[in-house]
Amino acid sequence: MLILQGGRDYQVTVADDLARWRDALADRPEVAIRIHLDANHLFFTGQGRSTPAEYARPGHVDDAVVDEIATWLTDGR
């Protein structure tokens, strides 16, 4: 299982929500958790604190996220 988290996500946060997932899945070595520090909830990159207005702007999922998913699908299972 691959779990990806945006470091700038204010809806599902690294400190609270991801910490719970890590605790719950700690005994599952097949689980990979990756944080993309500059990504928001939509995995769009940005700077500073993410806001709801950021979601209204068109964007693309960060290439690093796409690459990580592709690598995990081919190598990580």
Protein backbone atom coordinates (compact mmCIF):
# COMPACT_ATOMS: atom_id res chain seq x y z
CA MET A 1 0.00 0.00 0.00
CA LEU A 2 1.27 3.44 -0.91
CA ILE A 3 0.11 6.44 1.11
CA LEU A 4 0.97 9.89 -0.23
CA GLN A 5 0.58 13.08 1.77
CA GLY A 6 0.90 16.72 0.80
CA GLY A 7 3.01 18.62 3.30
CA ARG A 8 0.95 21.77 2.75
CA ASP A 9 -2.41 19.96 3.05
CA TYR A 10 -4.55 21.67 5.67
CA GLN A 11 -7.51 19.28 5.28
CA VAL A 12 -5.59 16.09 5.99
CA THR A 13 -2.51 17.07 7.94
CA VAL A 14 0.85 15.43 8.45
CA ALA A 15 0.85 16.22 12.17
CA ASP A 16 -2.58 14.84 13.00
CA ASP A 17 -4.08 12.61 10.32
CA LEU A 18 -0.94 11.06 8.86
CA ALA A 19 0.40 10.43 12.36
CA ARG A 20 -2.68 8.29 13.05
CA TRP A 21 -2.18 6.32 9.84
CA ARG A 22 1.47 5.75 10.72
CA ASP A 23 0.52 4.47 14.17
CA ALA A 24 -2.22 2.22 12.83
CA LEU A 25 -0.01 0.73 10.11
CA ALA A 26 3.27 0.57 12.01
CA ASP A 27 3.34 -3.24 11.96
CA ARG A 28 2.74 -3.45 8.20
CA PRO A 29 6.12 -3.42 6.41
CA GLU A 30 4.44 -3.47 2.99
CA VAL A 31 3.02 0.02 3.58
CA ALA A 32 5.03 2.91 2.11
CA ILE A 33 4.26 6.43 3.32
CA ARG A 34 5.65 9.39 1.43
CA ILE A 35 5.25 13.11 2.12
CA HIS A 36 5.57 15.69 -0.64
CA LEU A 37 6.42 18.79 1.37
CA ASP A 38 5.51 21.43 -1.23
CA ALA A 39 2.20 19.78 -2.24
CA ASN A 40 -1.30 20.72 -1.13
CA HIS A 41 -4.35 18.42 -0.84
CA LEU A 42 -4.55 18.14 -4.63
CA PHE A 43 -0.81 17.46 -4.91
CA PHE A 44 -0.27 20.81 -6.63
CA THR A 45 2.97 22.44 -5.57
CA GLY A 46 3.12 25.85 -3.98
CA GLN A 47 4.75 28.00 -1.35
CA GLY A 48 3.64 28.95 2.11
CA ARG A 49 0.38 28.03 3.74
CA SER A 50 -2.23 26.47 1.46
CA THR A 51 -5.69 28.10 1.31
CA PRO A 52 -9.08 27.21 -0.21
CA ALA A 53 -8.50 29.84 -2.92
CA GLU A 54 -5.53 27.81 -4.13
CA TYR A 55 -7.90 25.02 -5.17
CA ALA A 56 -9.77 27.35 -7.53
CA ARG A 57 -6.68 27.89 -9.68
CA PRO A 58 -6.01 25.35 -12.44
CA GLY A 59 -2.94 23.23 -11.87
CA HIS A 60 -1.32 19.87 -12.35
CA VAL A 61 -0.35 17.11 -10.00
CA ASP A 62 3.35 17.50 -9.26
CA ASP A 63 5.51 15.38 -11.57
CA ALA A 64 7.32 13.97 -8.54
CA VAL A 65 4.02 12.52 -7.26
CA VAL A 66 3.24 10.92 -10.63
CA ASP A 67 6.78 9.50 -10.82
CA GLU A 68 6.54 8.12 -7.30
CA ILE A 69 3.26 6.34 -8.06
CA ALA A 70 4.66 4.89 -11.29
CA THR A 71 7.82 3.70 -9.53
CA TRP A 72 5.86 2.13 -6.70
CA LEU A 73 3.58 0.33 -9.18
CA THR A 74 6.53 -1.15 -11.04
CA ASP A 75 9.04 -1.69 -8.20
CA GLY A 76 7.32 -1.33 -4.85
CA ARG A 77 4.84 -4.15 -4.77
